[in-house]
Amino acid sequence: MKGKLEIDTSASINRLKILTSRIVNSQIVGNYRSVFKGHGLEFHDYRPYTPTDDASTIDWKASVRSKKPLVREFIQERNLNIFFLIDASSSMVYSSIDKLKLEYTAELAATLSYIVLQAGDSTGFAMFNDKIKIYDYPKQGFNQYYKFARVLVDPKNYGGNYNLVEALKFTMAFLKEFSIVIIISDFIGLKNDWKHYLKLVGKKFDLIGIMICDPIEIELPEYNGQVILGDTFSEKQVLVNVQSIRESYKKYEESQQKMVNEAFMQANADFLELTTDKPFIKPITDLFLRRASRRR
């Protein structure tokens, strides 16, 4: 009887943890805290009343006991649930450079998870292709980081077709309202009524879309000759002359990216496009700052 193939992912997890620790600093965590706030206030402590305070904030029962006027101090509730919806389909197992899209995604998702957990919030995740492959409800603590990292680096979790609609349906049924949903995908293979379901998710949750692109998916390189292009999902292939299709290819890719961007805007969501040949920390920080400026 043949046993299951066991893959030791500990070395990959350690590399991911080292990389994440180098990237994350207190400023990034502070930016995250200032942008992603809780949905209420919780009592923190009493403090002496000052002339600049509103008299309606005085707690008269506590003031009588202490024999001096006191006001209540409140702090923003955190307890945020950040949920990562990760594309694990076959198109993510691709690269024209030295880093697969899935590797770049793993580094990005692990870093964001580390920031969230460092701030005291909860992270959960689901990885999907044409169905949900593996998932976990948001939890606090760094055990959750290692659980997520283990899933991200396991090659058994990747491959297959792509169905964003099923992933969005699952998310709406699985998560509590007011969660923050971060979709990380190349958005290749979109079909059916995905824009409709994206809007529904945007109504129920705070939604962010992050599009991961390989450089060659944006623009074909200069090459005077023929190459074979293949479809990841159908395995169909076609022989083309690169120079003859470069311009139309670029226009098509730009139109696809614009379509996805506009769909997230219509869902009242944030959207960010990243390429695997460029670091992600500055674009992510810029996204935090843009959100902060809108919420002032």
Protein backbone atom coordinates (compact mmCIF):
# COMPACT_ATOMS: atom_id res chain seq x y z
CA MET A 1 0.00 0.00 0.00
CA LYS A 2 1.47 3.32 -1.03
CA GLY A 3 1.63 6.10 1.55
CA LYS A 4 1.08 9.77 0.93
CA LEU A 5 4.01 11.84 -0.20
CA GLU A 6 5.06 14.04 2.73
CA ILE A 7 6.73 17.34 1.91
CA ASP A 8 8.91 19.04 4.52
CA THR A 9 8.02 22.73 4.33
CA SER A 10 9.88 23.85 7.47
CA ALA A 11 12.83 25.35 5.57
CA SER A 12 10.49 27.36 3.33
CA ILE A 13 8.53 28.58 6.36
CA ASN A 14 11.74 29.71 8.07
CA ARG A 15 12.85 31.61 4.95
CA LEU A 16 9.46 33.27 4.76
CA LYS A 17 9.60 34.24 8.44
CA ILE A 18 13.10 35.73 8.08
CA LEU A 19 12.03 37.72 5.02
CA THR A 20 8.88 38.97 6.75
CA SER A 21 10.74 40.01 9.90
CA ARG A 22 13.20 42.05 7.82
CA ILE A 23 10.44 43.88 5.97
CA VAL A 24 8.06 44.69 8.81
CA ASN A 25 8.90 47.59 11.11
CA SER A 26 7.05 49.66 13.72
CA GLN A 27 6.24 52.42 11.21
CA ILE A 28 4.45 50.00 8.89
CA VAL A 29 2.49 48.54 11.82
CA GLY A 30 1.67 52.10 12.94
CA ASN A 31 0.43 53.00 9.47
CA TYR A 32 -1.75 49.91 9.46
CA ARG A 33 -3.22 50.76 12.89
CA SER A 34 -4.03 54.31 11.83
CA VAL A 35 -5.83 53.18 8.67
CA PHE A 36 -7.63 50.02 9.74
CA LYS A 37 -9.68 50.91 12.80
CA GLY A 38 -12.26 48.96 14.77
CA HIS A 39 -15.97 49.57 14.53
CA GLY A 40 -16.63 50.89 18.04
CA LEU A 41 -15.20 52.27 21.26
CA GLU A 42 -14.43 50.48 24.49
CA PHE A 43 -13.96 51.95 27.99
CA HIS A 44 -10.30 52.35 28.92
CA ASP A 45 -9.99 54.36 32.16
CA TYR A 46 -11.03 57.44 34.12
CA ARG A 47 -9.07 60.69 34.17
CA PRO A 48 -9.56 64.06 35.92
CA TYR A 49 -11.90 66.53 34.23
CA THR A 50 -10.25 69.58 32.61
CA PRO A 51 -11.86 72.87 31.47
CA THR A 52 -11.39 71.83 27.82
CA ASP A 53 -13.58 68.71 28.29
CA ASP A 54 -17.27 68.62 27.46
CA ALA A 55 -19.17 68.61 30.78
CA SER A 56 -21.51 65.93 29.40
CA THR A 57 -18.60 63.47 29.48
CA ILE A 58 -18.32 63.62 33.29
CA ASP A 59 -19.14 60.34 35.03
CA TRP A 60 -20.99 61.63 38.08
CA LYS A 61 -21.11 58.33 40.01
CA ALA A 62 -17.34 57.85 39.70
CA SER A 63 -16.80 61.54 40.52
CA VAL A 64 -18.80 61.25 43.78
CA ARG A 65 -16.78 58.21 44.85
CA SER A 66 -13.43 59.88 44.13
CA LYS A 67 -14.60 63.32 45.36
CA LYS A 68 -13.35 64.99 42.16
CA PRO A 69 -14.84 65.27 38.66
CA LEU A 70 -13.80 62.42 36.36
CA VAL A 71 -14.41 61.74 32.70
CA ARG A 72 -14.33 58.39 30.96
CA GLU A 73 -11.63 57.66 28.39
CA PHE A 74 -12.42 55.39 25.48
CA ILE A 75 -10.14 53.72 23.01
CA GLN A 76 -10.89 52.40 19.55
CA GLU A 77 -11.88 48.77 19.59
CA ARG A 78 -9.60 46.69 17.38
CA ASN A 79 -10.62 43.06 17.17
CA LEU A 80 -10.45 43.32 13.38
CA ASN A 81 -10.78 40.25 11.22
CA ILE A 82 -8.53 40.38 8.15
CA PHE A 83 -9.30 37.60 5.69
CA PHE A 84 -6.95 36.67 2.83
CA LEU A 85 -8.56 35.12 -0.24
CA ILE A 86 -5.62 33.64 -2.16
CA ASP A 87 -5.66 32.50 -5.79
CA ALA A 88 -3.99 29.08 -5.96
CA SER A 89 -4.91 28.18 -9.55
CA SER A 90 -2.50 26.98 -12.22
CA SER A 91 -1.88 30.46 -13.64
CA MET A 92 -0.17 31.40 -10.36
CA VAL A 93 2.41 28.65 -10.95
CA TYR A 94 4.16 30.74 -13.57
CA SER A 95 7.16 33.03 -13.97
CA SER A 96 9.27 34.59 -16.69
CA ILE A 97 11.78 35.69 -14.02
CA ASP A 98 13.29 33.95 -10.99
CA LYS A 99 10.15 34.19 -8.83
CA LEU A 100 6.83 32.46 -9.43
CA LYS A 101 3.67 34.49 -8.95
CA LEU A 102 2.71 32.15 -6.13
CA GLU A 103 6.05 32.79 -4.38
CA TYR A 104 5.58 36.55 -4.62
CA THR A 105 2.02 36.15 -3.34
CA ALA A 106 3.21 34.02 -0.41
CA GLU A 107 5.74 36.70 0.60
CA LEU A 108 3.14 39.45 0.30
CA ALA A 109 0.40 37.59 2.18
CA ALA A 110 2.76 36.45 4.94
CA THR A 111 4.05 40.01 5.40
CA LEU A 112 0.55 41.47 5.60
CA SER A 113 -0.50 38.73 8.02
CA TYR A 114 2.51 39.50 10.22
CA ILE A 115 1.59 43.22 10.28
CA VAL A 116 -2.01 42.43 11.23
CA LEU A 117 -1.08 40.02 14.02
CA GLN A 118 1.59 42.40 15.32
CA ALA A 119 -1.13 45.03 15.67
CA GLY A 120 -3.23 42.63 17.76
CA ASP A 121 -5.86 41.82 15.13
CA SER A 122 -6.93 38.46 13.69
CA THR A 123 -6.13 36.85 10.36
CA GLY A 124 -7.88 34.10 8.46
CA PHE A 125 -7.49 32.73 4.97
CA ALA A 126 -8.88 30.66 2.13
CA MET A 127 -6.99 29.35 -0.88
CA PHE A 128 -9.02 28.64 -3.98
CA ASN A 129 -8.86 27.43 -7.57
CA ASP A 130 -12.24 26.42 -9.01
CA LYS A 131 -13.26 25.55 -5.44
CA ILE A 132 -12.08 26.31 -1.92
CA LYS A 133 -9.04 24.13 -1.23
CA ILE A 134 -8.24 25.05 2.38
CA TYR A 135 -9.46 27.70 4.82
CA ASP A 136 -9.30 28.88 8.41
CA TYR A 137 -11.38 31.36 10.40
CA PRO A 138 -9.61 34.55 11.63
CA LYS A 139 -7.64 34.12 14.85
CA GLN A 140 -5.11 36.11 16.85
CA GLY A 141 -1.57 35.13 17.80
CA PHE A 142 1.53 34.10 15.93
CA ASN A 143 0.50 30.45 15.80
CA GLN A 144 -1.89 31.71 13.15
CA TYR A 145 1.02 33.20 11.20
CA TYR A 146 2.83 29.85 11.11
CA LYS A 147 -0.36 28.02 10.12
CA PHE A 148 -0.86 30.45 7.23
CA ALA A 149 2.80 30.27 6.20
CA ARG A 150 2.66 26.47 6.17
CA VAL A 151 -0.32 26.59 3.79
CA LEU A 152 1.29 29.22 1.56
CA VAL A 153 4.53 27.28 0.97
CA ASP A 154 2.96 23.84 0.48
CA PRO A 155 3.06 23.00 -3.28
CA LYS A 156 0.17 20.56 -2.83
CA ASN A 157 -2.16 23.55 -2.42
CA TYR A 158 -1.54 24.94 -5.92
CA GLY A 159 -2.86 24.10 -9.37
CA GLY A 160 -6.21 23.65 -11.05
CA ASN A 161 -8.81 25.86 -12.72
CA TYR A 162 -10.07 29.25 -11.56
CA ASN A 163 -13.47 30.32 -10.28
CA LEU A 164 -13.58 33.63 -8.43
CA VAL A 165 -17.37 33.50 -8.11
CA GLU A 166 -17.28 30.34 -5.97
CA ALA A 167 -14.61 31.94 -3.77
CA LEU A 168 -16.71 35.09 -3.32
CA LYS A 169 -19.83 33.08 -2.49
CA PHE A 170 -17.88 31.11 0.11
CA THR A 171 -16.51 34.31 1.66
CA MET A 172 -19.97 35.88 2.03
CA ALA A 173 -21.30 32.79 3.79
CA PHE A 174 -18.22 32.12 5.92
CA LEU A 175 -17.24 35.52 7.34
CA LYS A 176 -18.86 37.89 9.80
CA GLU A 177 -19.90 41.31 8.60
CA PHE A 178 -17.35 44.13 9.01
CA SER A 179 -14.42 41.83 8.21
CA ILE A 180 -11.72 43.12 5.86
CA VAL A 181 -11.27 40.90 2.79
CA ILE A 182 -8.04 41.04 0.79
CA ILE A 183 -8.18 39.18 -2.54
CA ILE A 184 -4.75 38.36 -3.97
CA SER A 185 -4.94 36.98 -7.50
CA ASP A 186 -3.78 37.46 -11.07
CA PHE A 187 -7.48 37.57 -12.05
CA ILE A 188 -6.82 35.37 -15.09
CA GLY A 189 -9.78 33.22 -16.10
CA LEU A 190 -12.61 35.48 -14.90
CA LYS A 191 -16.04 34.30 -16.03
CA ASN A 192 -19.72 34.18 -15.17
CA ASP A 193 -21.19 36.96 -13.05
CA TRP A 194 -18.04 37.77 -11.07
CA LYS A 195 -18.61 41.55 -11.07
CA HIS A 196 -22.03 41.09 -9.47
CA TYR A 197 -20.63 38.95 -6.66
CA LEU A 198 -17.69 41.31 -6.19
CA LYS A 199 -20.19 44.13 -5.55
CA LEU A 200 -22.04 41.97 -3.01
CA VAL A 201 -18.78 41.26 -1.16
CA GLY A 202 -17.94 44.99 -1.31
CA LYS A 203 -21.27 45.83 0.33
CA LYS A 204 -20.82 43.37 3.17
CA PHE A 205 -17.07 43.77 3.82
CA ASP A 206 -14.23 46.25 3.53
CA LEU A 207 -12.70 44.93 0.31
CA ILE A 208 -9.21 45.22 -1.17
CA GLY A 209 -8.04 43.65 -4.42
CA ILE A 210 -4.38 43.03 -5.19
CA MET A 211 -3.53 41.95 -8.73
CA ILE A 212 -0.28 40.00 -9.15
CA CYS A 213 1.31 40.17 -12.61
CA ASP A 214 4.41 38.68 -14.14
CA PRO A 215 6.29 41.26 -16.28
CA ILE A 216 5.64 39.28 -19.46
CA GLU A 217 1.90 39.44 -18.78
CA ILE A 218 2.08 43.21 -19.14
CA GLU A 219 4.26 43.43 -22.24
CA LEU A 220 5.95 40.87 -24.47
CA PRO A 221 9.72 41.27 -24.81
CA GLU A 222 11.41 42.44 -28.00
CA TYR A 223 11.96 39.27 -30.02
CA ASN A 224 12.17 38.87 -33.78
CA GLY A 225 10.91 35.34 -34.18
CA GLN A 226 8.16 32.87 -33.41
CA VAL A 227 7.15 31.42 -30.05
CA ILE A 228 4.49 29.05 -28.77
CA LEU A 229 1.93 30.61 -26.42
CA GLY A 230 -0.19 28.35 -24.23
CA ASP A 231 -3.41 28.68 -22.24
CA THR A 232 -2.83 27.62 -18.63
CA PHE A 233 -6.32 26.25 -18.13
CA SER A 234 -7.24 24.71 -21.50
CA GLU A 235 -3.69 23.63 -22.48
CA LYS A 236 -4.33 24.99 -25.98
CA GLN A 237 -1.27 26.31 -27.81
CA VAL A 238 -0.67 28.65 -30.70
CA LEU A 239 2.44 29.56 -32.72
CA VAL A 240 2.82 33.34 -33.08
CA ASN A 241 5.28 35.92 -34.36
CA VAL A 242 6.12 38.03 -31.31
CA GLN A 243 6.73 41.32 -33.11
CA SER A 244 3.44 41.11 -34.99
CA ILE A 245 1.32 40.77 -31.83
CA ARG A 246 3.28 42.89 -29.30
CA GLU A 247 1.11 45.99 -29.67
CA SER A 248 -2.25 44.22 -29.68
CA TYR A 249 -1.12 42.00 -26.77
CA LYS A 250 -0.20 45.06 -24.70
CA LYS A 251 -3.50 46.78 -25.44
CA TYR A 252 -5.44 43.66 -24.49
CA GLU A 253 -3.58 43.29 -21.19
CA GLU A 254 -4.12 46.96 -20.38
CA SER A 255 -7.84 46.59 -21.08
CA GLN A 256 -8.04 43.54 -18.79
CA GLN A 257 -6.28 45.34 -15.94
CA LYS A 258 -8.52 48.38 -16.43
CA MET A 259 -11.62 46.17 -16.34
CA VAL A 260 -10.59 44.57 -13.04
CA ASN A 261 -9.64 47.94 -11.55
CA GLU A 262 -12.99 49.45 -12.52
CA ALA A 263 -14.86 46.44 -11.11
CA PHE A 264 -13.24 46.99 -7.70
CA MET A 265 -13.99 50.73 -7.87
CA GLN A 266 -17.65 49.93 -8.60
CA ALA A 267 -17.60 47.60 -5.59
CA ASN A 268 -16.42 50.55 -3.46
CA ALA A 269 -13.13 48.74 -2.90
CA ASP A 270 -9.42 49.52 -3.04
CA PHE A 271 -7.29 48.06 -5.81
CA LEU A 272 -3.55 47.63 -6.24
CA GLU A 273 -1.56 46.15 -9.11
CA LEU A 274 1.85 44.60 -8.38
CA THR A 275 4.45 43.01 -10.64
CA THR A 276 6.70 40.22 -9.44
CA ASP A 277 9.91 41.99 -10.47
CA LYS A 278 9.34 44.92 -8.07
CA PRO A 279 9.18 45.06 -4.24
CA PHE A 280 5.71 45.37 -2.75
CA ILE A 281 6.33 47.23 0.52
CA LYS A 282 6.20 50.80 -0.90
CA PRO A 283 3.00 50.24 -2.93
CA ILE A 284 1.40 48.65 0.15
CA THR A 285 2.47 51.59 2.36
CA ASP A 286 1.16 54.02 -0.27
CA LEU A 287 -2.16 52.16 -0.25
CA PHE A 288 -2.35 52.57 3.55
CA LEU A 289 -1.69 56.30 3.21
CA ARG A 290 -4.30 56.73 0.46
CA ARG A 291 -6.91 55.02 2.63
CA ALA A 292 -5.94 57.22 5.59
CA SER A 293 -6.30 60.42 3.55
CA ARG A 294 -9.79 59.39 2.39
CA ARG A 295 -10.93 58.73 5.95
CA ARG A 296 -9.91 62.08 7.43
